[in-house]
Amino acid sequence: MHERCIEQKLTKAAKKRGGIALKFVSPSFAGMPDRLVLLPEGKIGFVELKATGQKPRALQRARHEMLRRLGFKVFVPDNIDEIEEVLNEIQSP
């Protein structure tokens, strides 16, 4: 499955839950996740979308680990069936 299709599903599913999935662009800090998901009650998560079977590059993995050390949730779905699980995890305490 193409990354674009998974990304569209994420943005629609976040909106359905009353949130938004913003395109995250950081020109001076490469390797950051594709989307910043903001859900009701101050829930936040970073999502790096990949086409089915694809894995993050080394720099992306390093950025994900940095964000996790800072206490943020980071997800890397590569399939449309993972979207609801990712959003559930973002909304969990």
PDB file of N, CA and C in Angstrom:
ATOM      1  N   MET A   1       0.837  -1.171   0.000  1.00  0.00           N
ATOM      2  CA  MET A   1       0.000   0.000   0.000  1.00  0.00           C
ATOM      3  C   MET A   1       0.888   1.242   0.000  1.00  0.00           C
ATOM      4  N   HIS A   2       0.479   2.247  -0.731  1.00  0.00           N
ATOM      5  CA  HIS A   2       1.244   3.485  -0.847  1.00  0.00           C
ATOM      6  C   HIS A   2       1.146   4.326   0.420  1.00  0.00           C
ATOM      7  N   GLU A   3       2.221   5.027   0.711  1.00  0.00           N
ATOM      8  CA  GLU A   3       2.272   5.899   1.895  1.00  0.00           C
ATOM      9  C   GLU A   3       1.146   6.931   1.869  1.00  0.00           C
ATOM     10  N   ARG A   4       0.876   7.473   0.708  1.00  0.00           N
ATOM     11  CA  ARG A   4      -0.156   8.502   0.556  1.00  0.00           C
ATOM     12  C   ARG A   4      -1.526   8.006   1.018  1.00  0.00           C
ATOM     13  N   CYS A   5      -1.863   6.770   0.700  1.00  0.00           N
ATOM     14  CA  CYS A   5      -3.155   6.193   1.095  1.00  0.00           C
ATOM     15  C   CYS A   5      -3.248   6.052   2.613  1.00  0.00           C
ATOM     16  N   ILE A   6      -2.173   5.623   3.226  1.00  0.00           N
ATOM     17  CA  ILE A   6      -2.133   5.457   4.674  1.00  0.00           C
ATOM     18  C   ILE A   6      -2.239   6.831   5.339  1.00  0.00           C
ATOM     19  N   GLU A   7      -1.560   7.817   4.766  1.00  0.00           N
ATOM     20  CA  GLU A   7      -1.596   9.179   5.295  1.00  0.00           C
ATOM     21  C   GLU A   7      -3.010   9.758   5.233  1.00  0.00           C
ATOM     22  N   GLN A   8      -3.711   9.539   4.148  1.00  0.00           N
ATOM     23  CA  GLN A   8      -5.087  10.022   4.004  1.00  0.00           C
ATOM     24  C   GLN A   8      -6.002   9.379   5.043  1.00  0.00           C
ATOM     25  N   LYS A   9      -5.831   8.106   5.265  1.00  0.00           N
ATOM     26  CA  LYS A   9      -6.628   7.393   6.267  1.00  0.00           C
ATOM     27  C   LYS A   9      -6.359   7.968   7.657  1.00  0.00           C
ATOM     28  N   LEU A  10      -5.103   8.251   7.966  1.00  0.00           N
ATOM     29  CA  LEU A  10      -4.750   8.822   9.262  1.00  0.00           C
ATOM     30  C   LEU A  10      -5.423  10.177   9.460  1.00  0.00           C
ATOM     31  N   THR A  11      -5.338  11.056   8.473  1.00  0.00           N
ATOM     32  CA  THR A  11      -5.913  12.393   8.633  1.00  0.00           C
ATOM     33  C   THR A  11      -7.433  12.329   8.792  1.00  0.00           C
ATOM     34  N   LYS A  12      -8.092  11.464   8.047  1.00  0.00           N
ATOM     35  CA  LYS A  12      -9.550  11.314   8.166  1.00  0.00           C
ATOM     36  C   LYS A  12      -9.941  10.723   9.513  1.00  0.00           C
ATOM     37  N   ALA A  13      -9.198   9.721   9.966  1.00  0.00           N
ATOM     38  CA  ALA A  13      -9.515   9.068  11.238  1.00  0.00           C
ATOM     39  C   ALA A  13      -9.277  10.016  12.411  1.00  0.00           C
ATOM     40  N   ALA A  14      -8.231  10.832  12.347  1.00  0.00           N
ATOM     41  CA  ALA A  14      -7.963  11.805  13.414  1.00  0.00           C
ATOM     42  C   ALA A  14      -9.093  12.836  13.458  1.00  0.00           C
ATOM     43  N   LYS A  15      -9.523  13.300  12.303  1.00  0.00           N
ATOM     44  CA  LYS A  15     -10.613  14.277  12.226  1.00  0.00           C
ATOM     45  C   LYS A  15     -11.904  13.681  12.795  1.00  0.00           C
ATOM     46  N   LYS A  16     -12.162  12.433  12.492  1.00  0.00           N
ATOM     47  CA  LYS A  16     -13.365  11.747  12.983  1.00  0.00           C
ATOM     48  C   LYS A  16     -13.380  11.691  14.514  1.00  0.00           C
ATOM     49  N   ARG A  17     -12.198  11.662  15.127  1.00  0.00           N
ATOM     50  CA  ARG A  17     -12.082  11.627  16.595  1.00  0.00           C
ATOM     51  C   ARG A  17     -12.038  13.027  17.200  1.00  0.00           C
ATOM     52  N   GLY A  18     -12.238  14.041  16.368  1.00  0.00           N
ATOM     53  CA  GLY A  18     -12.237  15.412  16.863  1.00  0.00           C
ATOM     54  C   GLY A  18     -10.862  16.049  16.907  1.00  0.00           C
ATOM     55  N   GLY A  19      -9.890  15.448  16.223  1.00  0.00           N
ATOM     56  CA  GLY A  19      -8.524  15.963  16.236  1.00  0.00           C
ATOM     57  C   GLY A  19      -8.051  16.360  14.858  1.00  0.00           C
ATOM     58  N   ILE A  20      -6.740  16.549  14.754  1.00  0.00           N
ATOM     59  CA  ILE A  20      -6.120  16.884  13.474  1.00  0.00           C
ATOM     60  C   ILE A  20      -4.783  16.150  13.363  1.00  0.00           C
ATOM     61  N   ALA A  21      -4.396  15.894  12.122  1.00  0.00           N
ATOM     62  CA  ALA A  21      -3.099  15.269  11.843  1.00  0.00           C
ATOM     63  C   ALA A  21      -2.347  16.229  10.924  1.00  0.00           C
ATOM     64  N   LEU A  22      -1.580  17.109  11.525  1.00  0.00           N
ATOM     65  CA  LEU A  22      -0.877  18.142  10.785  1.00  0.00           C
ATOM     66  C   LEU A  22       0.356  17.599  10.071  1.00  0.00           C
ATOM     67  N   LYS A  23       0.562  18.069   8.852  1.00  0.00           N
ATOM     68  CA  LYS A  23       1.803  17.762   8.134  1.00  0.00           C
ATOM     69  C   LYS A  23       2.913  18.463   8.898  1.00  0.00           C
ATOM     70  N   PHE A  24       3.942  17.726   9.290  1.00  0.00           N
ATOM     71  CA  PHE A  24       5.009  18.287  10.100  1.00  0.00           C
ATOM     72  C   PHE A  24       6.244  18.440   9.242  1.00  0.00           C
ATOM     73  N   VAL A  25       6.668  19.689   9.040  1.00  0.00           N
ATOM     74  CA  VAL A  25       7.833  19.977   8.216  1.00  0.00           C
ATOM     75  C   VAL A  25       8.826  20.759   9.068  1.00  0.00           C
ATOM     76  N   SER A  26      10.039  20.280   9.138  1.00  0.00           N
ATOM     77  CA  SER A  26      11.083  20.939   9.910  1.00  0.00           C
ATOM     78  C   SER A  26      12.320  21.070   9.027  1.00  0.00           C
ATOM     79  N   PRO A  27      12.376  22.116   8.203  1.00  0.00           N
ATOM     80  CA  PRO A  27      13.453  22.255   7.220  1.00  0.00           C
ATOM     81  C   PRO A  27      14.868  22.221   7.802  1.00  0.00           C
ATOM     82  N   SER A  28      15.039  22.741   9.003  1.00  0.00           N
ATOM     83  CA  SER A  28      16.384  22.789   9.563  1.00  0.00           C
ATOM     84  C   SER A  28      16.714  21.598  10.456  1.00  0.00           C
ATOM     85  N   PHE A  29      15.784  20.612  10.509  1.00  0.00           N
ATOM     86  CA  PHE A  29      15.988  19.462  11.387  1.00  0.00           C
ATOM     87  C   PHE A  29      15.434  18.226  10.685  1.00  0.00           C
ATOM     88  N   ALA A  30      16.203  17.679   9.767  1.00  0.00           N
ATOM     89  CA  ALA A  30      15.759  16.558   8.930  1.00  0.00           C
ATOM     90  C   ALA A  30      15.483  15.303   9.759  1.00  0.00           C
ATOM     91  N   GLY A  31      14.637  14.445   9.206  1.00  0.00           N
ATOM     92  CA  GLY A  31      14.378  13.153   9.815  1.00  0.00           C
ATOM     93  C   GLY A  31      13.205  13.121  10.772  1.00  0.00           C
ATOM     94  N   MET A  32      12.511  14.255  10.919  1.00  0.00           N
ATOM     95  CA  MET A  32      11.366  14.285  11.834  1.00  0.00           C
ATOM     96  C   MET A  32      10.176  13.564  11.205  1.00  0.00           C
ATOM     97  N   PRO A  33       9.261  13.047  12.042  1.00  0.00           N
ATOM     98  CA  PRO A  33       8.089  12.325  11.526  1.00  0.00           C
ATOM     99  C   PRO A  33       7.219  13.172  10.596  1.00  0.00           C
ATOM    100  N   ASP A  34       6.430  12.491   9.757  1.00  0.00           N
ATOM    101  CA  ASP A  34       5.597  13.141   8.754  1.00  0.00           C
ATOM    102  C   ASP A  34       4.442  13.942   9.333  1.00  0.00           C
ATOM    103  N   ARG A  35       3.800  13.404  10.371  1.00  0.00           N
ATOM    104  CA  ARG A  35       2.576  14.005  10.903  1.00  0.00           C
ATOM    105  C   ARG A  35       2.650  14.196  12.412  1.00  0.00           C
ATOM    106  N   LEU A  36       2.063  15.283  12.856  1.00  0.00           N
ATOM    107  CA  LEU A  36       1.890  15.577  14.266  1.00  0.00           C
ATOM    108  C   LEU A  36       0.400  15.426  14.530  1.00  0.00           C
ATOM    109  N   VAL A  37       0.024  14.423  15.310  1.00  0.00           N
ATOM    110  CA  VAL A  37      -1.385  14.135  15.564  1.00  0.00           C
ATOM    111  C   VAL A  37      -1.777  14.749  16.896  1.00  0.00           C
ATOM    112  N   LEU A  38      -2.791  15.616  16.841  1.00  0.00           N
ATOM    113  CA  LEU A  38      -3.312  16.289  18.022  1.00  0.00           C
ATOM    114  C   LEU A  38      -4.753  15.848  18.223  1.00  0.00           C
ATOM    115  N   LEU A  39      -5.024  15.225  19.368  1.00  0.00           N
ATOM    116  CA  LEU A  39      -6.358  14.704  19.666  1.00  0.00           C
ATOM    117  C   LEU A  39      -6.908  15.395  20.910  1.00  0.00           C
ATOM    118  N   PRO A  40      -8.237  15.322  21.106  1.00  0.00           N
ATOM    119  CA  PRO A  40      -8.841  15.974  22.263  1.00  0.00           C
ATOM    120  C   PRO A  40      -8.153  15.592  23.583  1.00  0.00           C
ATOM    121  N   GLU A  41      -8.295  16.498  24.553  1.00  0.00           N
ATOM    122  CA  GLU A  41      -7.739  16.344  25.888  1.00  0.00           C
ATOM    123  C   GLU A  41      -6.215  16.411  25.896  1.00  0.00           C
ATOM    124  N   GLY A  42      -5.637  17.130  24.944  1.00  0.00           N
ATOM    125  CA  GLY A  42      -4.201  17.365  24.931  1.00  0.00           C
ATOM    126  C   GLY A  42      -3.349  16.164  24.564  1.00  0.00           C
ATOM    127  N   LYS A  43      -3.903  15.223  23.857  1.00  0.00           N
ATOM    128  CA  LYS A  43      -3.150  14.034  23.447  1.00  0.00           C
ATOM    129  C   LYS A  43      -2.381  14.332  22.171  1.00  0.00           C
ATOM    130  N   ILE A  44      -1.107  13.938  22.155  1.00  0.00           N
ATOM    131  CA  ILE A  44      -0.234  14.240  21.024  1.00  0.00           C
ATOM    132  C   ILE A  44       0.624  13.024  20.671  1.00  0.00           C
ATOM    133  N   GLY A  45       0.862  12.848  19.396  1.00  0.00           N
ATOM    134  CA  GLY A  45       1.748  11.774  18.943  1.00  0.00           C
ATOM    135  C   GLY A  45       2.357  12.134  17.600  1.00  0.00           C
ATOM    136  N   PHE A  46       3.527  11.608  17.353  1.00  0.00           N
ATOM    137  CA  PHE A  46       4.207  11.793  16.073  1.00  0.00           C
ATOM    138  C   PHE A  46       4.034  10.519  15.255  1.00  0.00           C
ATOM    139  N   VAL A  47       3.763  10.681  13.965  1.00  0.00           N
ATOM    140  CA  VAL A  47       3.549   9.522  13.102  1.00  0.00           C
ATOM    141  C   VAL A  47       4.410   9.638  11.852  1.00  0.00           C
ATOM    142  N   GLU A  48       5.264   8.629  11.660  1.00  0.00           N
ATOM    143  CA  GLU A  48       6.092   8.494  10.460  1.00  0.00           C
ATOM    144  C   GLU A  48       5.418   7.455   9.588  1.00  0.00           C
ATOM    145  N   LEU A  49       4.859   7.875   8.470  1.00  0.00           N
ATOM    146  CA  LEU A  49       4.140   6.958   7.593  1.00  0.00           C
ATOM    147  C   LEU A  49       5.088   6.329   6.584  1.00  0.00           C
ATOM    148  N   LYS A  50       4.891   5.050   6.345  1.00  0.00           N
ATOM    149  CA  LYS A  50       5.710   4.308   5.394  1.00  0.00           C
ATOM    150  C   LYS A  50       4.813   3.452   4.511  1.00  0.00           C
ATOM    151  N   ALA A  51       5.225   3.268   3.274  1.00  0.00           N
ATOM    152  CA  ALA A  51       4.540   2.322   2.400  1.00  0.00           C
ATOM    153  C   ALA A  51       4.739   0.925   2.981  1.00  0.00           C
ATOM    154  N   THR A  52       3.820   0.054   2.687  1.00  0.00           N
ATOM    155  CA  THR A  52       3.873  -1.296   3.223  1.00  0.00           C
ATOM    156  C   THR A  52       5.236  -1.937   2.981  1.00  0.00           C
ATOM    157  N   GLY A  53       5.833  -2.443   4.066  1.00  0.00           N
ATOM    158  CA  GLY A  53       7.120  -3.109   3.993  1.00  0.00           C
ATOM    159  C   GLY A  53       8.324  -2.192   4.111  1.00  0.00           C
ATOM    160  N   GLN A  54       8.109  -0.891   4.052  1.00  0.00           N
ATOM    161  CA  GLN A  54       9.220   0.063   4.153  1.00  0.00           C
ATOM    162  C   GLN A  54       9.553   0.350   5.610  1.00  0.00           C
ATOM    163  N   LYS A  55      10.797   0.693   5.877  1.00  0.00           N
ATOM    164  CA  LYS A  55      11.280   0.986   7.231  1.00  0.00           C
ATOM    165  C   LYS A  55      11.889   2.385   7.254  1.00  0.00           C
ATOM    166  N   PRO A  56      11.903   3.031   8.424  1.00  0.00           N
ATOM    167  CA  PRO A  56      12.531   4.354   8.530  1.00  0.00           C
ATOM    168  C   PRO A  56      14.034   4.289   8.253  1.00  0.00           C
ATOM    169  N   ARG A  57      14.554   5.385   7.710  1.00  0.00           N
ATOM    170  CA  ARG A  57      15.995   5.514   7.492  1.00  0.00           C
ATOM    171  C   ARG A  57      16.689   5.708   8.842  1.00  0.00           C
ATOM    172  N   ALA A  58      17.987   5.582   8.861  1.00  0.00           N
ATOM    173  CA  ALA A  58      18.764   5.691  10.103  1.00  0.00           C
ATOM    174  C   ALA A  58      18.528   7.030  10.800  1.00  0.00           C
ATOM    175  N   LEU A  59      18.540   8.124  10.056  1.00  0.00           N
ATOM    176  CA  LEU A  59      18.318   9.434  10.659  1.00  0.00           C
ATOM    177  C   LEU A  59      16.917   9.526  11.252  1.00  0.00           C
ATOM    178  N   GLN A  60      15.927   8.972  10.552  1.00  0.00           N
ATOM    179  CA  GLN A  60      14.565   8.975  11.078  1.00  0.00           C
ATOM    180  C   GLN A  60      14.488   8.173  12.377  1.00  0.00           C
ATOM    181  N   ARG A  61      15.124   7.021  12.403  1.00  0.00           N
ATOM    182  CA  ARG A  61      15.119   6.206  13.633  1.00  0.00           C
ATOM    183  C   ARG A  61      15.752   6.971  14.792  1.00  0.00           C
ATOM    184  N   ALA A  62      16.828   7.710  14.509  1.00  0.00           N
ATOM    185  CA  ALA A  62      17.484   8.501  15.550  1.00  0.00           C
ATOM    186  C   ALA A  62      16.552   9.603  16.067  1.00  0.00           C
ATOM    187  N   ARG A  63      15.847  10.262  15.169  1.00  0.00           N
ATOM    188  CA  ARG A  63      14.898  11.313  15.589  1.00  0.00           C
ATOM    189  C   ARG A  63      13.756  10.711  16.398  1.00  0.00           C
ATOM    190  N   HIS A  64      13.255   9.559  15.983  1.00  0.00           N
ATOM    191  CA  HIS A  64      12.172   8.900  16.715  1.00  0.00           C
ATOM    192  C   HIS A  64      12.624   8.580  18.141  1.00  0.00           C
ATOM    193  N   GLU A  65      13.821   8.063  18.259  1.00  0.00           N
ATOM    194  CA  GLU A  65      14.350   7.711  19.576  1.00  0.00           C
ATOM    195  C   GLU A  65      14.527   8.958  20.441  1.00  0.00           C
ATOM    196  N   MET A  66      14.986  10.054  19.849  1.00  0.00           N
ATOM    197  CA  MET A  66      15.129  11.308  20.579  1.00  0.00           C
ATOM    198  C   MET A  66      13.774  11.778  21.113  1.00  0.00           C
ATOM    199  N   LEU A  67      12.748  11.721  20.259  1.00  0.00           N
ATOM    200  CA  LEU A  67      11.406  12.130  20.681  1.00  0.00           C
ATOM    201  C   LEU A  67      10.882  11.229  21.803  1.00  0.00           C
ATOM    202  N   ARG A  68      11.128   9.943  21.682  1.00  0.00           N
ATOM    203  CA  ARG A  68      10.694   9.010  22.738  1.00  0.00           C
ATOM    204  C   ARG A  68      11.402   9.298  24.058  1.00  0.00           C
ATOM    205  N   ARG A  69      12.697   9.599  24.003  1.00  0.00           N
ATOM    206  CA  ARG A  69      13.431   9.948  25.232  1.00  0.00           C
ATOM    207  C   ARG A  69      12.850  11.200  25.887  1.00  0.00           C
ATOM    208  N   LEU A  70      12.300  12.088  25.072  1.00  0.00           N
ATOM    209  CA  LEU A  70      11.670  13.305  25.585  1.00  0.00           C
ATOM    210  C   LEU A  70      10.252  13.047  26.106  1.00  0.00           C
ATOM    211  N   GLY A  71       9.788  11.816  25.950  1.00  0.00           N
ATOM    212  CA  GLY A  71       8.483  11.445  26.481  1.00  0.00           C
ATOM    213  C   GLY A  71       7.336  11.468  25.494  1.00  0.00           C
ATOM    214  N   PHE A  72       7.630  11.644  24.211  1.00  0.00           N
ATOM    215  CA  PHE A  72       6.576  11.661  23.208  1.00  0.00           C
ATOM    216  C   PHE A  72       6.331  10.268  22.635  1.00  0.00           C
ATOM    217  N   LYS A  73       5.113  10.065  22.166  1.00  0.00           N
ATOM    218  CA  LYS A  73       4.762   8.816  21.504  1.00  0.00           C
ATOM    219  C   LYS A  73       5.077   8.969  20.017  1.00  0.00           C
ATOM    220  N   VAL A  74       5.741   7.954  19.457  1.00  0.00           N
ATOM    221  CA  VAL A  74       6.115   7.952  18.040  1.00  0.00           C
ATOM    222  C   VAL A  74       5.695   6.623  17.436  1.00  0.00           C
ATOM    223  N   PHE A  75       5.059   6.691  16.279  1.00  0.00           N
ATOM    224  CA  PHE A  75       4.542   5.492  15.616  1.00  0.00           C
ATOM    225  C   PHE A  75       4.984   5.462  14.163  1.00  0.00           C
ATOM    226  N   VAL A  76       5.124   4.241  13.626  1.00  0.00           N
ATOM    227  CA  VAL A  76       5.544   4.066  12.230  1.00  0.00           C
ATOM    228  C   VAL A  76       4.630   3.023  11.567  1.00  0.00           C
ATOM    229  N   PRO A  77       3.404   3.405  11.250  1.00  0.00           N
ATOM    230  CA  PRO A  77       2.522   2.451  10.572  1.00  0.00           C
ATOM    231  C   PRO A  77       2.898   2.307   9.092  1.00  0.00           C
ATOM    232  N   ASP A  78       2.800   1.081   8.593  1.00  0.00           N
ATOM    233  CA  ASP A  78       3.070   0.856   7.170  1.00  0.00           C
ATOM    234  C   ASP A  78       1.889   0.159   6.513  1.00  0.00           C
ATOM    235  N   ASN A  79       0.727   0.292   7.171  1.00  0.00           N
ATOM    236  CA  ASN A  79      -0.457  -0.378   6.657  1.00  0.00           C
ATOM    237  C   ASN A  79      -1.689   0.284   7.243  1.00  0.00           C
ATOM    238  N   ILE A  80      -2.700   0.382   6.443  1.00  0.00           N
ATOM    239  CA  ILE A  80      -3.930   1.093   6.800  1.00  0.00           C
ATOM    240  C   ILE A  80      -4.601   0.492   8.034  1.00  0.00           C
ATOM    241  N   ASP A  81      -4.430  -0.802   8.245  1.00  0.00           N
ATOM    242  CA  ASP A  81      -5.066  -1.475   9.377  1.00  0.00           C
ATOM    243  C   ASP A  81      -4.466  -1.064  10.723  1.00  0.00           C
ATOM    244  N   GLU A  82      -3.327  -0.410  10.724  1.00  0.00           N
ATOM    245  CA  GLU A  82      -2.671   0.013  11.966  1.00  0.00           C
ATOM    246  C   GLU A  82      -3.141   1.382  12.470  1.00  0.00           C
ATOM    247  N   ILE A  83      -3.865   2.117  11.640  1.00  0.00           N
ATOM    248  CA  ILE A  83      -4.220   3.499  11.969  1.00  0.00           C
ATOM    249  C   ILE A  83      -5.055   3.599  13.248  1.00  0.00           C
ATOM    250  N   GLU A  84      -6.093   2.814  13.373  1.00  0.00           N
ATOM    251  CA  GLU A  84      -6.949   2.897  14.563  1.00  0.00           C
ATOM    252  C   GLU A  84      -6.161   2.553  15.825  1.00  0.00           C
ATOM    253  N   GLU A  85      -5.284   1.571  15.748  1.00  0.00           N
ATOM    254  CA  GLU A  85      -4.445   1.202  16.886  1.00  0.00           C
ATOM    255  C   GLU A  85      -3.517   2.349  17.277  1.00  0.00           C
ATOM    256  N   VAL A  86      -2.938   3.020  16.284  1.00  0.00           N
ATOM    257  CA  VAL A  86      -2.056   4.166  16.556  1.00  0.00           C
ATOM    258  C   VAL A  86      -2.854   5.252  17.275  1.00  0.00           C
ATOM    259  N   LEU A  87      -4.036   5.580  16.766  1.00  0.00           N
ATOM    260  CA  LEU A  87      -4.852   6.630  17.401  1.00  0.00           C
ATOM    261  C   LEU A  87      -5.296   6.224  18.802  1.00  0.00           C
ATOM    262  N   ASN A  88      -5.610   4.958  18.994  1.00  0.00           N
ATOM    263  CA  ASN A  88      -5.960   4.476  20.342  1.00  0.00           C
ATOM    264  C   ASN A  88      -4.793   4.666  21.303  1.00  0.00           C
ATOM    265  N   GLU A  89      -3.591   4.356  20.833  1.00  0.00           N
ATOM    266  CA  GLU A  89      -2.394   4.511  21.676  1.00  0.00           C
ATOM    267  C   GLU A  89      -2.139   5.982  22.007  1.00  0.00           C
ATOM    268  N   ILE A  90      -2.345   6.856  21.046  1.00  0.00           N
ATOM    269  CA  ILE A  90      -2.159   8.286  21.296  1.00  0.00           C
ATOM    270  C   ILE A  90      -3.159   8.764  22.356  1.00  0.00           C
ATOM    271  N   GLN A  91      -4.381   8.268  22.289  1.00  0.00           N
ATOM    272  CA  GLN A  91      -5.408   8.694  23.243  1.00  0.00           C
ATOM    273  C   GLN A  91      -5.288   8.030  24.608  1.00  0.00           C
ATOM    274  N   SER A  92      -4.503   6.981  24.720  1.00  0.00           N
ATOM    275  CA  SER A  92      -4.385   6.305  26.014  1.00  0.00           C
ATOM    276  C   SER A  92      -3.526   7.157  26.965  1.00  0.00           C
ATOM    277  N   PRO A  93      -3.722   6.958  28.281  1.00  0.00           N
ATOM    278  CA  PRO A  93      -2.961   7.753  29.268  1.00  0.00           C
ATOM    279  C   PRO A  93      -1.467   7.486  29.217  1.00  0.00           C
TER     280      PRO A  93
END
